N, C-alpha and C. Protein backbone atom coordinates (compact mmCIF):
# COMPACT_ATOMS: atom_id res chain seq x y z
N MET A 1 -11.60 -3.53 -2.51
CA MET A 1 -11.37 -5.38 -2.49
C MET A 1 -12.63 -6.32 -2.33
N PRO A 2 -13.08 -5.90 -3.61
CA PRO A 2 -14.89 -6.49 -3.12
C PRO A 2 -14.65 -8.88 -2.73
N GLY A 3 -15.32 -8.97 -1.69
CA GLY A 3 -15.23 -10.67 -1.77
C GLY A 3 -13.71 -10.94 -0.53
N THR A 4 -12.78 -9.76 -0.48
CA THR A 4 -11.42 -10.17 0.17
C THR A 4 -11.55 -9.60 1.92
N GLY A 5 -12.29 -8.98 2.68
CA GLY A 5 -12.25 -8.05 4.01
C GLY A 5 -11.36 -7.91 4.05
N LEU A 6 -11.15 -7.04 3.32
CA LEU A 6 -10.26 -5.18 3.12
C LEU A 6 -10.43 -3.69 1.62
N SER A 7 -11.49 -2.98 2.45
CA SER A 7 -12.00 -2.23 1.70
C SER A 7 -10.64 -1.38 1.29
N ALA A 8 -10.45 -1.27 -0.18
CA ALA A 8 -9.19 -0.52 -1.03
C ALA A 8 -8.32 0.32 0.38
N ASP A 9 -8.56 1.37 1.16
CA ASP A 9 -8.75 2.56 1.62
C ASP A 9 -8.03 1.35 2.33
N GLU A 10 -8.44 0.64 3.40
CA GLU A 10 -7.81 -0.31 4.54
C GLU A 10 -6.30 -1.00 3.13
N PHE A 11 -6.83 -1.38 2.22
CA PHE A 11 -5.59 -2.51 1.35
C PHE A 11 -4.90 -0.96 1.52
N GLY A 12 -4.44 -0.59 1.38
CA GLY A 12 -3.53 0.99 1.07
C GLY A 12 -2.50 0.84 2.20
N PHE A 13 -3.49 1.28 3.57
CA PHE A 13 -3.07 1.06 5.13
C PHE A 13 -2.25 0.11 5.14
N CYS A 14 -2.68 -1.07 5.15
CA CYS A 14 -1.94 -2.22 4.98
C CYS A 14 -0.59 -2.75 4.35
N SER A 15 -0.81 -1.85 2.67
CA SER A 15 0.46 -1.83 2.28
C SER A 15 2.00 -1.12 2.78
N VAL A 16 1.37 0.19 3.09
CA VAL A 16 1.83 0.67 4.27
C VAL A 16 2.29 0.36 5.13
N LEU A 17 1.87 -0.64 5.95
CA LEU A 17 2.02 -1.41 7.76
C LEU A 17 2.84 -2.08 7.09
N ALA A 18 2.72 -2.49 6.15
CA ALA A 18 3.82 -3.99 5.45
C ALA A 18 4.80 -3.31 5.55
N ALA A 19 5.08 -2.32 4.75
CA ALA A 19 6.68 -2.28 3.98
C ALA A 19 6.88 -1.02 5.49
N HIS A 20 6.69 -0.94 6.57
CA HIS A 20 7.38 0.11 7.78
C HIS A 20 6.48 -0.62 8.70
N ALA A 21 6.15 -1.39 9.20
CA ALA A 21 6.12 -1.92 10.14
C ALA A 21 6.85 -1.92 11.64
N PRO A 22 6.47 -2.79 12.37
CA PRO A 22 5.81 -1.62 13.54
C PRO A 22 5.77 0.04 12.67
N ILE A 23 4.33 1.03 12.99
CA ILE A 23 4.81 2.11 12.53
C ILE A 23 3.51 3.52 13.23
N THR A 24 3.90 4.74 13.51
CA THR A 24 3.19 5.03 14.25
C THR A 24 1.30 5.55 13.95
N THR A 25 0.72 6.26 13.79
CA THR A 25 -0.32 6.80 13.09
C THR A 25 0.37 7.69 12.69
N ALA A 26 0.93 8.67 12.92
CA ALA A 26 1.44 10.16 12.66
C ALA A 26 2.29 10.00 11.07
N GLU A 27 3.16 8.62 11.20
CA GLU A 27 4.12 8.45 10.34
C GLU A 27 3.03 6.98 9.22
N ALA A 28 1.92 7.01 9.51
CA ALA A 28 1.20 6.22 8.67
C ALA A 28 0.87 7.45 7.90
N SER A 29 -0.29 8.23 8.71
CA SER A 29 -0.13 9.37 7.98
C SER A 29 0.58 10.18 6.42
N ALA A 30 1.70 10.76 6.86
CA ALA A 30 2.78 11.00 6.32
C ALA A 30 3.03 10.24 4.82
N LEU A 31 2.85 9.26 5.17
CA LEU A 31 2.81 8.13 4.12
C LEU A 31 2.59 7.82 2.75
N SER A 32 1.45 7.84 3.60
CA SER A 32 -0.24 7.14 2.28
C SER A 32 -1.04 8.92 2.46
N GLY A 33 -0.41 9.97 2.77
CA GLY A 33 -2.11 11.12 2.45
C GLY A 33 -3.25 10.94 3.12
N LEU A 34 -3.50 9.68 4.37
CA LEU A 34 -4.61 9.72 4.35
C LEU A 34 -4.03 10.94 5.60
N ALA A 35 -5.47 11.04 6.22
CA ALA A 35 -5.71 12.03 8.11
C ALA A 35 -5.18 11.38 8.95
N ALA A 36 -4.16 12.49 9.43
CA ALA A 36 -3.89 10.77 10.64
C ALA A 36 -5.39 10.04 11.35
N SER A 37 -6.45 11.03 11.91
CA SER A 37 -7.80 11.14 12.24
C SER A 37 -8.65 9.85 11.36
N THR A 38 -8.04 9.90 9.85
CA THR A 38 -8.05 8.59 9.06
C THR A 38 -7.45 7.19 9.76
N VAL A 39 -6.23 7.56 9.75
CA VAL A 39 -5.40 6.04 10.25
C VAL A 39 -5.97 5.78 11.27
N ALA A 40 -6.07 7.15 12.37
CA ALA A 40 -5.98 5.69 13.47
C ALA A 40 -7.76 5.28 13.54
N SER A 41 -8.30 5.87 12.76
CA SER A 41 -10.33 5.27 13.24
C SER A 41 -9.68 3.66 12.25
N MET A 42 -8.61 3.52 11.19
CA MET A 42 -9.00 2.70 10.47
C MET A 42 -8.76 1.51 11.18
N ALA A 43 -7.71 2.25 12.07
CA ALA A 43 -7.12 1.24 12.84
C ALA A 43 -7.01 0.42 13.84
N SER A 44 -8.03 1.40 14.84
CA SER A 44 -8.93 0.41 15.63
C SER A 44 -9.45 0.18 14.81
N ARG A 45 -9.90 -0.04 13.60
CA ARG A 45 -11.33 -1.20 12.99
C ARG A 45 -11.11 -2.14 12.99
N LEU A 46 -9.55 -2.14 12.47
CA LEU A 46 -8.61 -3.01 11.79
C LEU A 46 -8.13 -4.02 13.19
N GLU A 47 -7.79 -3.12 14.33
CA GLU A 47 -7.35 -3.83 15.22
C GLU A 47 -8.76 -4.63 16.17
N ARG A 48 -9.73 -3.93 16.06
CA ARG A 48 -11.46 -4.89 16.84
C ARG A 48 -11.59 -5.86 15.86
N ARG A 49 -10.99 -6.23 14.59
CA ARG A 49 -11.33 -7.15 14.18
C ARG A 49 -10.72 -8.42 14.39
N GLY A 50 -9.46 -8.03 15.24
CA GLY A 50 -8.40 -8.91 15.10
C GLY A 50 -7.16 -8.69 14.22
N LEU A 51 -6.85 -7.89 12.92
CA LEU A 51 -5.91 -8.22 11.72
C LEU A 51 -5.00 -7.13 12.27
N LEU A 52 -5.16 -6.35 13.76
CA LEU A 52 -4.01 -5.46 13.50
C LEU A 52 -3.80 -5.32 15.43
N GLN A 53 -2.49 -5.18 15.05
CA GLN A 53 -2.39 -5.01 16.95
C GLN A 53 -1.47 -3.75 17.22
N ALA A 54 -1.32 -2.82 18.39
CA ALA A 54 -0.87 -1.93 19.13
C ALA A 54 -0.04 -2.28 20.69
N ALA A 55 0.83 -1.44 20.29
CA ALA A 55 1.72 -1.45 21.51
C ALA A 55 2.30 -0.09 21.85
N SER A 56 2.99 -0.14 23.07
CA SER A 56 3.24 1.32 23.27
C SER A 56 4.31 1.18 22.37
N HIS A 57 4.70 2.48 22.40
CA HIS A 57 5.38 2.97 21.18
C HIS A 57 7.06 3.90 22.41
N PRO A 58 8.00 3.79 23.20
CA PRO A 58 9.18 2.98 23.82
C PRO A 58 9.70 4.91 24.24
N THR A 59 9.68 5.97 22.89
CA THR A 59 9.55 7.22 23.77
C THR A 59 8.50 7.73 23.47
N ASP A 60 7.45 7.78 23.24
CA ASP A 60 6.52 8.26 22.91
C ASP A 60 5.08 8.32 24.44
N ARG A 61 4.84 8.16 24.64
CA ARG A 61 3.45 7.75 25.12
C ARG A 61 2.71 7.48 25.05
N ARG A 62 2.06 9.02 24.27
CA ARG A 62 0.47 9.41 23.48
C ARG A 62 0.33 8.01 22.00
N ALA A 63 2.21 7.69 21.02
CA ALA A 63 1.81 6.87 20.19
C ALA A 63 1.46 5.51 20.20
N ARG A 64 1.48 5.46 19.30
CA ARG A 64 1.22 3.12 19.23
C ARG A 64 1.58 3.65 18.30
N LEU A 65 1.85 1.84 18.30
CA LEU A 65 3.04 2.02 17.60
C LEU A 65 2.12 0.67 16.31
N TRP A 66 1.55 0.08 15.55
CA TRP A 66 1.13 -0.65 14.79
C TRP A 66 1.44 -1.53 13.86
N GLN A 67 0.96 -3.60 14.60
CA GLN A 67 1.73 -3.79 13.56
C GLN A 67 0.68 -5.62 13.07
N PHE A 68 0.58 -5.94 12.12
CA PHE A 68 -0.65 -7.21 11.74
C PHE A 68 -0.05 -8.15 12.98
N THR A 69 -1.59 -9.25 13.90
CA THR A 69 -1.51 -9.84 13.61
C THR A 69 -0.91 -10.83 13.05
N ALA A 70 -1.57 -12.07 12.75
CA ALA A 70 -0.52 -12.84 12.69
C ALA A 70 -1.81 -13.23 11.72
N ALA A 71 -3.00 -13.11 12.37
CA ALA A 71 -4.33 -12.92 10.94
C ALA A 71 -4.53 -11.99 9.57
N GLY A 72 -3.90 -10.89 10.75
CA GLY A 72 -4.00 -10.00 10.12
C GLY A 72 -2.93 -10.24 9.09
N GLN A 73 -2.30 -10.31 8.86
CA GLN A 73 -0.65 -10.95 7.45
C GLN A 73 -0.84 -11.77 7.06
N ALA A 74 -1.24 -12.71 8.03
CA ALA A 74 -2.28 -14.13 6.33
C ALA A 74 -3.18 -13.01 5.32
N LEU A 75 -4.33 -12.53 5.91
CA LEU A 75 -5.73 -11.88 4.87
C LEU A 75 -4.47 -10.71 4.55
N PHE A 76 -3.21 -10.32 5.29
CA PHE A 76 -2.48 -9.15 3.82
C PHE A 76 -2.36 -9.79 2.77
N GLU A 77 -1.49 -10.49 2.84
CA GLU A 77 -0.59 -11.77 1.80
C GLU A 77 -1.89 -12.75 0.94
N GLU A 78 -2.91 -12.70 2.10
CA GLU A 78 -4.05 -13.74 0.73
C GLU A 78 -4.71 -12.52 0.21
N VAL A 79 -5.05 -11.94 -0.02
CA VAL A 79 -5.54 -11.18 -0.21
C VAL A 79 -4.33 -10.30 -2.19
N SER A 80 -3.19 -8.81 -0.61
CA SER A 80 -1.83 -9.08 -1.81
C SER A 80 -1.86 -10.53 -3.66
N VAL A 81 -2.17 -11.74 -3.09
CA VAL A 81 -1.87 -12.17 -4.44
C VAL A 81 -2.59 -12.17 -4.90
N ALA A 82 -4.65 -12.51 -4.54
CA ALA A 82 -5.03 -11.92 -4.82
C ALA A 82 -5.20 -10.89 -6.45
N PHE A 83 -4.60 -9.39 -5.66
CA PHE A 83 -4.32 -7.94 -6.02
C PHE A 83 -3.42 -8.23 -7.58
N ALA A 84 -2.50 -9.26 -6.75
CA ALA A 84 -1.00 -8.95 -7.65
C ALA A 84 -1.38 -10.42 -9.43
N GLU A 85 -2.76 -11.42 -8.78
CA GLU A 85 -2.94 -11.69 -9.97
C GLU A 85 -4.33 -11.18 -10.95
N ALA A 86 -5.06 -10.77 -10.34
CA ALA A 86 -5.86 -8.82 -11.06
C ALA A 86 -4.65 -8.36 -11.97
N TYR A 87 -4.34 -8.20 -11.50
CA TYR A 87 -3.29 -6.85 -11.70
C TYR A 87 -2.21 -7.48 -12.47
N ALA A 88 -2.48 -8.42 -12.85
CA ALA A 88 -1.64 -9.38 -14.38
C ALA A 88 -2.85 -10.17 -15.44
N GLY A 89 -4.55 -10.74 -14.67
CA GLY A 89 -4.81 -10.40 -15.59
C GLY A 89 -5.15 -9.27 -16.26
N LEU A 90 -4.93 -7.74 -15.80
CA LEU A 90 -5.11 -6.58 -16.82
C LEU A 90 -4.46 -6.85 -17.96
N LEU A 91 -3.13 -6.59 -17.11
CA LEU A 91 -2.16 -6.50 -17.80
C LEU A 91 -1.77 -7.72 -18.88
N GLY A 92 -2.23 -8.96 -18.90
CA GLY A 92 -2.15 -9.79 -19.64
C GLY A 92 -3.42 -9.47 -21.01
N ARG A 93 -4.49 -7.99 -20.83
CA ARG A 93 -4.85 -7.49 -22.10
C ARG A 93 -4.99 -7.10 -22.43
N LEU A 94 -3.81 -6.56 -22.22
CA LEU A 94 -2.89 -5.69 -22.58
C LEU A 94 -2.09 -5.34 -23.90
N PRO A 95 -1.35 -5.14 -25.13
CA PRO A 95 -0.83 -5.26 -25.97
C PRO A 95 0.63 -5.47 -25.65
N GLN A 96 1.40 -6.99 -26.05
CA GLN A 96 2.95 -7.23 -25.16
C GLN A 96 3.47 -6.14 -25.90
N ALA A 97 3.17 -4.85 -26.73
CA ALA A 97 4.41 -3.98 -27.01
C ALA A 97 4.01 -2.51 -26.23
N MET A 98 2.74 -2.65 -25.86
CA MET A 98 2.28 -1.63 -24.62
C MET A 98 3.12 -1.74 -23.73
N LEU A 99 2.85 -3.19 -22.82
CA LEU A 99 3.59 -3.01 -21.73
C LEU A 99 4.79 -2.23 -21.45
N PRO A 100 6.09 -2.14 -21.77
CA PRO A 100 6.89 -0.91 -21.29
C PRO A 100 6.59 0.10 -21.14
N THR A 101 5.88 1.06 -22.48
CA THR A 101 5.25 2.58 -21.87
C THR A 101 4.23 2.01 -20.74
N ALA A 102 3.41 1.45 -20.42
CA ALA A 102 2.90 0.93 -19.67
C ALA A 102 3.16 1.24 -18.42
N GLU A 103 3.97 0.72 -17.48
CA GLU A 103 4.87 0.79 -16.97
C GLU A 103 5.64 1.69 -16.80
N GLN A 104 6.45 2.03 -17.51
CA GLN A 104 7.14 4.39 -17.26
C GLN A 104 5.68 5.30 -17.41
N GLY A 105 4.19 4.49 -17.99
CA GLY A 105 3.78 5.83 -18.04
C GLY A 105 3.21 5.56 -16.37
N MET A 106 3.51 4.54 -15.42
CA MET A 106 3.29 4.22 -14.82
C MET A 106 3.33 4.82 -13.24
N THR A 107 5.17 4.27 -13.52
CA THR A 107 6.30 5.24 -12.97
C THR A 107 5.56 7.29 -12.77
N ALA A 108 5.73 6.14 -13.42
CA ALA A 108 5.89 8.33 -13.64
C ALA A 108 4.53 9.23 -13.20
N LEU A 109 3.27 8.27 -13.77
CA LEU A 109 2.61 8.74 -13.16
C LEU A 109 2.26 8.46 -10.82
N GLU A 110 2.42 8.03 -10.64
CA GLU A 110 3.18 7.39 -9.56
C GLU A 110 4.19 8.83 -8.63
N ALA A 111 5.75 9.05 -9.34
CA ALA A 111 6.32 10.18 -8.48
C ALA A 111 5.74 12.18 -9.17
N ALA A 112 4.17 11.94 -9.80
CA ALA A 112 3.54 13.24 -10.06
C ALA A 112 1.92 13.32 -7.91
N LEU A 113 1.63 11.23 -8.45
CA LEU A 113 0.81 12.08 -7.18
C LEU A 113 1.96 12.39 -6.14
N ARG A 114 3.03 11.71 -5.39
CA ARG A 114 4.19 11.20 -4.46
C ARG A 114 4.49 13.25 -4.11
N ALA A 115 4.39 14.05 -5.93
CA ALA A 115 4.73 14.85 -5.48
C ALA A 115 3.78 16.33 -5.38
N ASP A 116 2.33 15.61 -5.72
CA ASP A 116 0.87 16.59 -5.67
C ASP A 116 1.25 16.27 -3.89
N LEU A 117 1.12 15.30 -3.49
CA LEU A 117 0.80 14.90 -2.31
C LEU A 117 1.71 14.75 -1.04
N ALA A 118 3.32 15.59 -1.44
CA ALA A 118 4.46 15.76 -0.67
C ALA A 118 4.22 15.17 -0.08
N LEU A 119 3.96 13.55 -0.69
CA LEU A 119 4.78 11.94 -0.44
C LEU A 119 6.11 11.69 -0.32
N PRO A 120 7.62 11.60 0.88
CA PRO A 120 8.04 11.22 0.05
C PRO A 120 8.37 10.23 -0.86
N ALA A 121 9.21 10.75 -3.00
CA ALA A 121 9.73 10.29 -3.40
C ALA A 121 9.76 8.83 -3.44
N ARG A 122 9.98 7.96 -4.23
CA ARG A 122 10.31 6.37 -3.72
C ARG A 122 11.58 6.05 -4.88
N GLU A 123 12.55 5.20 -4.94
CA GLU A 123 13.37 5.32 -5.44
C GLU A 123 13.03 4.11 -6.74
N VAL A 124 13.47 4.50 -7.52
CA VAL A 124 12.57 3.13 -8.67
C VAL A 124 14.48 1.87 -9.14
N VAL A 125 13.54 0.74 -8.65
CA VAL A 125 14.27 0.30 -8.82
C VAL A 125 13.72 -0.96 -9.55
N THR A 126 14.94 -1.13 -11.02
CA THR A 126 14.58 -1.44 -12.25
C THR A 126 14.36 -3.36 -12.25
N GLU A 127 14.50 -4.29 -12.36
CA GLU A 127 14.59 -5.16 -11.69
C GLU A 127 16.16 -6.00 -12.53
N ALA A 128 16.16 -4.90 -12.80
CA ALA A 128 18.19 -6.09 -13.61
C ALA A 128 18.86 -5.25 -12.06
N ALA A 129 18.91 -3.74 -11.80
CA ALA A 129 19.33 -2.69 -10.73
C ALA A 129 19.25 -3.82 -9.32
N ALA A 130 17.90 -4.80 -9.29
CA ALA A 130 17.28 -5.16 -7.45
C ALA A 130 17.84 -6.73 -7.67
N GLY A 131 18.39 -6.65 -8.77
CA GLY A 131 18.67 -8.67 -8.82
C GLY A 131 17.53 -9.77 -9.15
N ASP A 132 16.13 -9.90 -7.87
CA ASP A 132 15.09 -11.17 -7.96
C ASP A 132 14.35 -9.98 -8.92
N PRO A 133 13.48 -10.29 -9.32
CA PRO A 133 12.42 -9.50 -9.96
C PRO A 133 11.27 -9.93 -9.26
N LEU A 134 10.62 -8.55 -8.38
CA LEU A 134 9.53 -9.05 -7.54
C LEU A 134 8.58 -10.37 -7.53
N ARG A 135 8.23 -10.12 -6.49
CA ARG A 135 7.34 -11.53 -6.32
C ARG A 135 5.70 -11.40 -6.38
N PRO A 136 4.97 -11.86 -7.38
CA PRO A 136 3.71 -11.40 -7.00
C PRO A 136 3.20 -10.78 -5.67
N ASP A 137 3.21 -11.62 -4.77
CA ASP A 137 2.89 -10.95 -3.69
C ASP A 137 3.90 -8.41 -3.63
N GLU A 138 4.95 -9.43 -3.90
CA GLU A 138 5.87 -7.62 -3.45
C GLU A 138 5.29 -7.26 -5.13
N LEU A 139 5.05 -7.66 -5.82
CA LEU A 139 4.17 -6.52 -6.65
C LEU A 139 2.79 -6.27 -7.22
N GLY A 140 2.54 -7.12 -6.32
CA GLY A 140 0.84 -6.31 -5.50
C GLY A 140 -0.09 -5.59 -5.11
N MET A 141 1.84 -5.72 -3.90
CA MET A 141 1.31 -4.50 -2.94
C MET A 141 1.76 -3.56 -3.60
N LEU A 142 2.63 -3.51 -3.80
CA LEU A 142 3.62 -1.62 -5.41
C LEU A 142 2.27 -1.24 -6.30
N ARG A 143 1.90 -2.20 -6.65
CA ARG A 143 0.31 -1.73 -7.24
C ARG A 143 -0.55 -1.42 -6.47
N ALA A 144 -0.61 -1.86 -5.38
CA ALA A 144 -1.84 -1.33 -4.77
C ALA A 144 -1.48 -0.74 -4.03
N PHE A 145 -0.47 -0.30 -3.26
CA PHE A 145 -0.05 1.28 -3.38
C PHE A 145 -0.51 2.25 -4.20
N GLU A 146 -0.31 2.53 -5.30
CA GLU A 146 -0.08 3.38 -7.05
C GLU A 146 -1.47 3.48 -6.74
N ASP A 147 -3.00 2.27 -7.37
CA ASP A 147 -4.47 2.53 -6.60
C ASP A 147 -4.16 3.35 -5.26
N PHE A 148 -3.91 2.73 -4.65
CA PHE A 148 -4.06 3.61 -3.08
C PHE A 148 -3.81 5.21 -3.41
N LEU A 149 -2.93 5.73 -4.66
CA LEU A 149 -2.21 6.94 -4.19
C LEU A 149 -3.77 7.56 -5.23
N ARG A 150 -3.75 7.40 -6.01
CA ARG A 150 -4.78 7.35 -7.37
C ARG A 150 -5.94 8.07 -6.40
N SER A 151 -6.61 6.85 -5.98
CA SER A 151 -8.15 7.03 -4.85
C SER A 151 -7.91 8.57 -4.05
N ARG A 152 -6.48 9.02 -3.84
CA ARG A 152 -6.82 9.68 -2.32
C ARG A 152 -6.78 11.10 -3.14
N ARG A 153 -6.13 11.15 -4.61
CA ARG A 153 -6.90 11.87 -4.80
C ARG A 153 -7.57 12.91 -5.36
N GLY A 154 -8.18 11.90 -5.72
CA GLY A 154 -9.47 12.15 -6.14
C GLY A 154 -9.60 12.67 -7.63
N PRO A 155 -10.72 13.22 -8.43
CA PRO A 155 -10.45 13.90 -9.85
C PRO A 155 -9.85 13.92 -10.13
N LEU A 156 -9.01 13.80 -11.52
CA LEU A 156 -7.65 15.41 -11.60
C LEU A 156 -8.50 17.00 -11.92
N SER A 157 -7.85 17.38 -11.53
CA SER A 157 -8.30 18.27 -12.12
C SER A 157 -8.14 20.06 -13.51
């Protein structure tokens, strides 16, 4: 994520945080596929930069609950919009007839990656079922998380 202040891994972690905050390190690890030590290190770095804050867990004194600061939320929303715009630009380069197939392929790929990483399945909601279409920032978060999952898997063998 050049020029945004967030690395691709940080953006992926922040995407998980945006959907589930406040969240523990263990929960973020389970949802993201990152090692708990990686999540803890990343969260601490983001906290030092003023983007995250930690609170004590109400029932587990060893756990911390992570959430955005106002500055962190603002940066994440800004990066999400930029990501959504870049993604829309990329899709704009595809032939229109290919778009439905590309979306189905990405959905199938996400499901396969989640299964391979032992992550919980995500219910696929179509625009017709959901009512309102996704906003650009919501679409950006979804696409960023898909890319994040792909990047964590490494080269396919």
